[in-house]
Amino acid sequence: MDKDSSSGEEKFSRKFVSINRRVVYNARIMISVIAGIYAGIMGATNLFGLIIYLMISILLLSLVLILKIKFDFSSFFQSKLLIFKEGLFQGLMTFVLFWTLAYNIVHIY
């Protein structure tokens, strides 16, 4: 984070913002893979599987935030909302892919 000497406002480096966004995106994808495999192995169906995804996603993402940035959003991101919406739909599609794959391997074959 750089300080602008003339106006006193803070600016973010584009390079570091893109790195932080990429890290959040990759973390969400990995969390989605883990949640999908867990839901598939447990035999979750319908809305129960979606609830598993939301619970695991929120739990692991919060754990990462506590351990890594200690809830100091302003030093790493331009907005708090960015963390929760970055890669959300891609993560959901990854979850569905691994959920159905694990469910089919364990319970059907």
N, C-alpha and C. Protein backbone atom coordinates (compact mmCIF):
# COMPACT_ATOMS: atom_id res chain seq x y z
N MET A 1 0.85 -1.16 0.00
CA MET A 1 0.00 0.00 0.00
C MET A 1 0.89 1.23 0.00
N ASP A 2 0.66 2.13 -0.90
CA ASP A 2 1.46 3.34 -1.03
C ASP A 2 0.65 4.54 -0.56
N LYS A 3 1.34 5.48 0.02
CA LYS A 3 0.68 6.72 0.42
C LYS A 3 0.91 7.77 -0.67
N ASP A 4 -0.15 8.44 -1.04
CA ASP A 4 -0.03 9.55 -1.97
C ASP A 4 0.31 10.80 -1.16
N SER A 5 1.48 11.38 -1.40
CA SER A 5 1.95 12.48 -0.57
C SER A 5 1.12 13.75 -0.74
N SER A 6 0.53 13.97 -1.89
CA SER A 6 -0.19 15.21 -2.12
C SER A 6 -1.56 15.24 -1.45
N SER A 7 -2.31 14.14 -1.51
CA SER A 7 -3.66 14.17 -0.95
C SER A 7 -3.79 13.37 0.33
N GLY A 8 -2.81 12.56 0.69
CA GLY A 8 -2.87 11.80 1.93
C GLY A 8 -3.72 10.55 1.85
N GLU A 9 -4.25 10.21 0.69
CA GLU A 9 -5.07 9.02 0.58
C GLU A 9 -4.22 7.81 0.23
N GLU A 10 -4.72 6.65 0.53
CA GLU A 10 -3.97 5.42 0.29
C GLU A 10 -4.33 4.84 -1.06
N LYS A 11 -3.34 4.32 -1.75
CA LYS A 11 -3.56 3.65 -3.02
C LYS A 11 -3.00 2.24 -2.91
N PHE A 12 -3.57 1.35 -3.67
CA PHE A 12 -3.11 -0.02 -3.70
C PHE A 12 -2.31 -0.26 -4.98
N SER A 13 -1.28 -1.05 -4.85
CA SER A 13 -0.50 -1.43 -6.01
C SER A 13 -1.30 -2.45 -6.82
N ARG A 14 -1.43 -2.24 -8.09
CA ARG A 14 -2.20 -3.16 -8.94
C ARG A 14 -1.61 -4.56 -8.92
N LYS A 15 -0.30 -4.64 -8.86
CA LYS A 15 0.38 -5.93 -8.85
C LYS A 15 -0.03 -6.73 -7.61
N PHE A 16 0.01 -6.10 -6.44
CA PHE A 16 -0.31 -6.81 -5.21
C PHE A 16 -1.80 -7.09 -5.07
N VAL A 17 -2.63 -6.20 -5.60
CA VAL A 17 -4.07 -6.45 -5.59
C VAL A 17 -4.39 -7.67 -6.44
N SER A 18 -3.77 -7.78 -7.61
CA SER A 18 -4.04 -8.94 -8.47
C SER A 18 -3.50 -10.22 -7.85
N ILE A 19 -2.37 -10.15 -7.17
CA ILE A 19 -1.84 -11.33 -6.47
C ILE A 19 -2.80 -11.76 -5.36
N ASN A 20 -3.30 -10.82 -4.58
CA ASN A 20 -4.23 -11.14 -3.50
C ASN A 20 -5.53 -11.73 -4.04
N ARG A 21 -6.01 -11.18 -5.13
CA ARG A 21 -7.24 -11.72 -5.74
C ARG A 21 -7.02 -13.14 -6.24
N ARG A 22 -5.86 -13.39 -6.84
CA ARG A 22 -5.53 -14.73 -7.34
C ARG A 22 -5.44 -15.73 -6.19
N VAL A 23 -4.86 -15.32 -5.08
CA VAL A 23 -4.75 -16.19 -3.91
C VAL A 23 -6.13 -16.54 -3.37
N VAL A 24 -7.00 -15.55 -3.26
CA VAL A 24 -8.37 -15.81 -2.78
C VAL A 24 -9.10 -16.73 -3.75
N TYR A 25 -8.95 -16.50 -5.04
CA TYR A 25 -9.60 -17.34 -6.05
C TYR A 25 -9.11 -18.79 -5.95
N ASN A 26 -7.80 -18.99 -5.87
CA ASN A 26 -7.26 -20.34 -5.78
C ASN A 26 -7.67 -21.03 -4.48
N ALA A 27 -7.72 -20.28 -3.38
CA ALA A 27 -8.16 -20.85 -2.12
C ALA A 27 -9.62 -21.29 -2.20
N ARG A 28 -10.45 -20.48 -2.82
CA ARG A 28 -11.87 -20.84 -2.94
C ARG A 28 -12.04 -22.09 -3.80
N ILE A 29 -11.26 -22.21 -4.87
CA ILE A 29 -11.36 -23.39 -5.73
C ILE A 29 -10.94 -24.65 -4.96
N MET A 30 -9.86 -24.56 -4.20
CA MET A 30 -9.40 -25.72 -3.42
C MET A 30 -10.40 -26.08 -2.34
N ILE A 31 -10.99 -25.09 -1.70
CA ILE A 31 -12.02 -25.35 -0.69
C ILE A 31 -13.22 -26.02 -1.35
N SER A 32 -13.56 -25.61 -2.55
CA SER A 32 -14.69 -26.21 -3.28
C SER A 32 -14.41 -27.66 -3.63
N VAL A 33 -13.18 -27.97 -4.01
CA VAL A 33 -12.81 -29.37 -4.31
C VAL A 33 -12.96 -30.22 -3.06
N ILE A 34 -12.43 -29.74 -1.95
CA ILE A 34 -12.51 -30.48 -0.68
C ILE A 34 -13.96 -30.67 -0.25
N ALA A 35 -14.75 -29.61 -0.34
CA ALA A 35 -16.15 -29.70 0.06
C ALA A 35 -16.93 -30.63 -0.86
N GLY A 36 -16.65 -30.61 -2.15
CA GLY A 36 -17.34 -31.49 -3.09
C GLY A 36 -17.02 -32.95 -2.85
N ILE A 37 -15.77 -33.26 -2.61
CA ILE A 37 -15.40 -34.65 -2.32
C ILE A 37 -16.03 -35.10 -1.01
N TYR A 38 -16.01 -34.25 -0.01
CA TYR A 38 -16.63 -34.60 1.29
C TYR A 38 -18.12 -34.85 1.13
N ALA A 39 -18.82 -33.95 0.44
CA ALA A 39 -20.26 -34.11 0.27
C ALA A 39 -20.58 -35.37 -0.53
N GLY A 40 -19.78 -35.68 -1.54
CA GLY A 40 -20.00 -36.88 -2.34
C GLY A 40 -19.78 -38.14 -1.56
N ILE A 41 -18.73 -38.19 -0.77
CA ILE A 41 -18.44 -39.38 0.03
C ILE A 41 -19.50 -39.57 1.11
N MET A 42 -19.98 -38.48 1.70
CA MET A 42 -21.00 -38.57 2.74
C MET A 42 -22.38 -38.89 2.18
N GLY A 43 -22.53 -38.85 0.89
CA GLY A 43 -23.81 -39.20 0.27
C GLY A 43 -24.84 -38.10 0.33
N ALA A 44 -24.39 -36.87 0.41
CA ALA A 44 -25.32 -35.74 0.47
C ALA A 44 -26.05 -35.58 -0.86
N THR A 45 -27.32 -35.29 -0.78
CA THR A 45 -28.12 -35.05 -1.98
C THR A 45 -28.94 -33.77 -1.78
N ASN A 46 -29.40 -33.22 -2.87
CA ASN A 46 -30.27 -32.05 -2.90
C ASN A 46 -29.68 -30.85 -2.16
N LEU A 47 -30.50 -30.18 -1.36
CA LEU A 47 -30.07 -28.97 -0.67
C LEU A 47 -29.06 -29.24 0.43
N PHE A 48 -29.04 -30.46 0.96
CA PHE A 48 -28.09 -30.79 2.00
C PHE A 48 -26.65 -30.65 1.49
N GLY A 49 -26.41 -31.01 0.26
CA GLY A 49 -25.09 -30.85 -0.34
C GLY A 49 -24.71 -29.39 -0.48
N LEU A 50 -25.65 -28.56 -0.88
CA LEU A 50 -25.39 -27.13 -0.99
C LEU A 50 -25.11 -26.52 0.37
N ILE A 51 -25.82 -26.97 1.39
CA ILE A 51 -25.57 -26.49 2.75
C ILE A 51 -24.17 -26.89 3.21
N ILE A 52 -23.75 -28.10 2.86
CA ILE A 52 -22.38 -28.53 3.19
C ILE A 52 -21.37 -27.61 2.52
N TYR A 53 -21.61 -27.29 1.25
CA TYR A 53 -20.69 -26.38 0.55
C TYR A 53 -20.60 -25.04 1.25
N LEU A 54 -21.72 -24.46 1.59
CA LEU A 54 -21.72 -23.14 2.22
C LEU A 54 -21.05 -23.18 3.58
N MET A 55 -21.32 -24.22 4.36
CA MET A 55 -20.72 -24.32 5.70
C MET A 55 -19.21 -24.49 5.61
N ILE A 56 -18.75 -25.42 4.79
CA ILE A 56 -17.31 -25.67 4.67
C ILE A 56 -16.61 -24.46 4.07
N SER A 57 -17.23 -23.84 3.08
CA SER A 57 -16.63 -22.67 2.44
C SER A 57 -16.48 -21.52 3.44
N ILE A 58 -17.51 -21.24 4.19
CA ILE A 58 -17.44 -20.15 5.16
C ILE A 58 -16.47 -20.48 6.28
N LEU A 59 -16.49 -21.72 6.77
CA LEU A 59 -15.61 -22.12 7.85
C LEU A 59 -14.13 -22.04 7.45
N LEU A 60 -13.78 -22.63 6.31
CA LEU A 60 -12.38 -22.63 5.89
C LEU A 60 -11.90 -21.25 5.46
N LEU A 61 -12.75 -20.49 4.79
CA LEU A 61 -12.36 -19.14 4.39
C LEU A 61 -12.15 -18.26 5.62
N SER A 62 -13.01 -18.40 6.62
CA SER A 62 -12.83 -17.64 7.86
C SER A 62 -11.56 -18.06 8.58
N LEU A 63 -11.27 -19.35 8.58
CA LEU A 63 -10.04 -19.85 9.21
C LEU A 63 -8.81 -19.26 8.53
N VAL A 64 -8.82 -19.21 7.22
CA VAL A 64 -7.70 -18.63 6.48
C VAL A 64 -7.57 -17.14 6.81
N LEU A 65 -8.70 -16.46 6.90
CA LEU A 65 -8.65 -15.03 7.22
C LEU A 65 -8.10 -14.79 8.62
N ILE A 66 -8.48 -15.63 9.56
CA ILE A 66 -7.99 -15.47 10.92
C ILE A 66 -6.49 -15.74 10.99
N LEU A 67 -6.05 -16.82 10.35
CA LEU A 67 -4.65 -17.21 10.45
C LEU A 67 -3.72 -16.33 9.63
N LYS A 68 -4.13 -15.92 8.47
CA LYS A 68 -3.23 -15.21 7.57
C LYS A 68 -3.27 -13.69 7.70
N ILE A 69 -4.46 -13.11 7.66
CA ILE A 69 -4.50 -11.64 7.65
C ILE A 69 -5.09 -11.05 8.93
N LYS A 70 -5.51 -11.89 9.85
CA LYS A 70 -6.03 -11.45 11.15
C LYS A 70 -7.12 -10.38 11.00
N PHE A 71 -7.99 -10.57 10.03
CA PHE A 71 -9.13 -9.70 9.74
C PHE A 71 -8.74 -8.25 9.47
N ASP A 72 -7.52 -8.02 8.98
CA ASP A 72 -7.08 -6.68 8.59
C ASP A 72 -7.29 -6.53 7.08
N PHE A 73 -8.54 -6.41 6.67
CA PHE A 73 -8.90 -6.36 5.26
C PHE A 73 -8.28 -5.16 4.55
N SER A 74 -8.25 -4.03 5.22
CA SER A 74 -7.83 -2.80 4.55
C SER A 74 -6.37 -2.82 4.10
N SER A 75 -5.55 -3.69 4.68
CA SER A 75 -4.15 -3.75 4.26
C SER A 75 -3.94 -4.63 3.04
N PHE A 76 -4.90 -5.50 2.73
CA PHE A 76 -4.71 -6.47 1.66
C PHE A 76 -5.70 -6.33 0.51
N PHE A 77 -6.90 -5.80 0.77
CA PHE A 77 -7.95 -5.73 -0.23
C PHE A 77 -8.58 -4.36 -0.25
N GLN A 78 -9.14 -4.01 -1.41
CA GLN A 78 -9.81 -2.72 -1.53
C GLN A 78 -11.17 -2.73 -0.86
N SER A 79 -11.82 -3.89 -0.80
CA SER A 79 -13.11 -3.99 -0.13
C SER A 79 -13.26 -5.35 0.53
N LYS A 80 -14.04 -5.40 1.58
CA LYS A 80 -14.28 -6.67 2.28
C LYS A 80 -15.12 -7.61 1.43
N LEU A 81 -16.00 -7.06 0.65
CA LEU A 81 -16.89 -7.87 -0.18
C LEU A 81 -16.12 -8.67 -1.22
N LEU A 82 -14.98 -8.17 -1.65
CA LEU A 82 -14.17 -8.85 -2.65
C LEU A 82 -13.80 -10.27 -2.22
N ILE A 83 -13.49 -10.45 -0.97
CA ILE A 83 -13.07 -11.76 -0.48
C ILE A 83 -14.20 -12.77 -0.62
N PHE A 84 -15.41 -12.35 -0.37
CA PHE A 84 -16.53 -13.28 -0.36
C PHE A 84 -17.14 -13.52 -1.74
N LYS A 85 -16.92 -12.61 -2.68
CA LYS A 85 -17.51 -12.82 -4.00
C LYS A 85 -16.51 -13.26 -5.06
N GLU A 86 -15.21 -13.17 -4.78
CA GLU A 86 -14.17 -13.56 -5.74
C GLU A 86 -14.21 -15.07 -5.99
N GLY A 87 -14.54 -15.46 -7.20
CA GLY A 87 -14.54 -16.87 -7.57
C GLY A 87 -15.71 -17.66 -7.01
N LEU A 88 -16.77 -16.98 -6.60
CA LEU A 88 -17.90 -17.66 -5.96
C LEU A 88 -18.58 -18.65 -6.90
N PHE A 89 -18.91 -18.23 -8.10
CA PHE A 89 -19.62 -19.12 -9.03
C PHE A 89 -18.71 -20.19 -9.61
N GLN A 90 -17.45 -19.86 -9.83
CA GLN A 90 -16.51 -20.87 -10.28
C GLN A 90 -16.30 -21.92 -9.20
N GLY A 91 -16.26 -21.47 -7.96
CA GLY A 91 -16.15 -22.40 -6.84
C GLY A 91 -17.36 -23.29 -6.73
N LEU A 92 -18.54 -22.73 -6.95
CA LEU A 92 -19.77 -23.52 -6.89
C LEU A 92 -19.80 -24.58 -8.00
N MET A 93 -19.37 -24.21 -9.19
CA MET A 93 -19.33 -25.19 -10.29
C MET A 93 -18.29 -26.28 -10.03
N THR A 94 -17.17 -25.91 -9.45
CA THR A 94 -16.15 -26.90 -9.08
C THR A 94 -16.69 -27.84 -8.02
N PHE A 95 -17.42 -27.28 -7.05
CA PHE A 95 -18.03 -28.10 -6.01
C PHE A 95 -18.99 -29.12 -6.61
N VAL A 96 -19.85 -28.68 -7.50
CA VAL A 96 -20.83 -29.58 -8.11
C VAL A 96 -20.12 -30.69 -8.90
N LEU A 97 -19.07 -30.34 -9.62
CA LEU A 97 -18.31 -31.33 -10.38
C LEU A 97 -17.74 -32.42 -9.47
N PHE A 98 -17.05 -32.02 -8.41
CA PHE A 98 -16.43 -33.01 -7.53
C PHE A 98 -17.45 -33.71 -6.64
N TRP A 99 -18.55 -33.04 -6.33
CA TRP A 99 -19.63 -33.66 -5.55
C TRP A 99 -20.22 -34.83 -6.33
N THR A 100 -20.59 -34.58 -7.59
CA THR A 100 -21.18 -35.66 -8.40
C THR A 100 -20.17 -36.75 -8.71
N LEU A 101 -18.93 -36.38 -8.94
CA LEU A 101 -17.90 -37.38 -9.22
C LEU A 101 -17.69 -38.30 -8.01
N ALA A 102 -17.50 -37.72 -6.83
CA ALA A 102 -17.28 -38.53 -5.63
C ALA A 102 -18.52 -39.35 -5.28
N TYR A 103 -19.70 -38.76 -5.44
CA TYR A 103 -20.93 -39.49 -5.14
C TYR A 103 -21.08 -40.70 -6.06
N ASN A 104 -20.82 -40.50 -7.34
CA ASN A 104 -20.95 -41.59 -8.30
C ASN A 104 -19.93 -42.69 -8.05
N ILE A 105 -18.71 -42.32 -7.73
CA ILE A 105 -17.68 -43.33 -7.48
C ILE A 105 -17.99 -44.16 -6.24
N VAL A 106 -18.43 -43.50 -5.18
CA VAL A 106 -18.64 -44.19 -3.91
C VAL A 106 -19.98 -44.90 -3.85
N HIS A 107 -21.04 -44.27 -4.27
CA HIS A 107 -22.39 -44.81 -4.03
C HIS A 107 -23.02 -45.53 -5.21
N ILE A 108 -22.55 -45.28 -6.42
CA ILE A 108 -23.18 -45.92 -7.57
C ILE A 108 -22.34 -47.07 -8.11
N TYR A 109 -21.03 -46.88 -8.20
CA TYR A 109 -20.19 -47.93 -8.80
C TYR A 109 -19.64 -48.81 -7.75
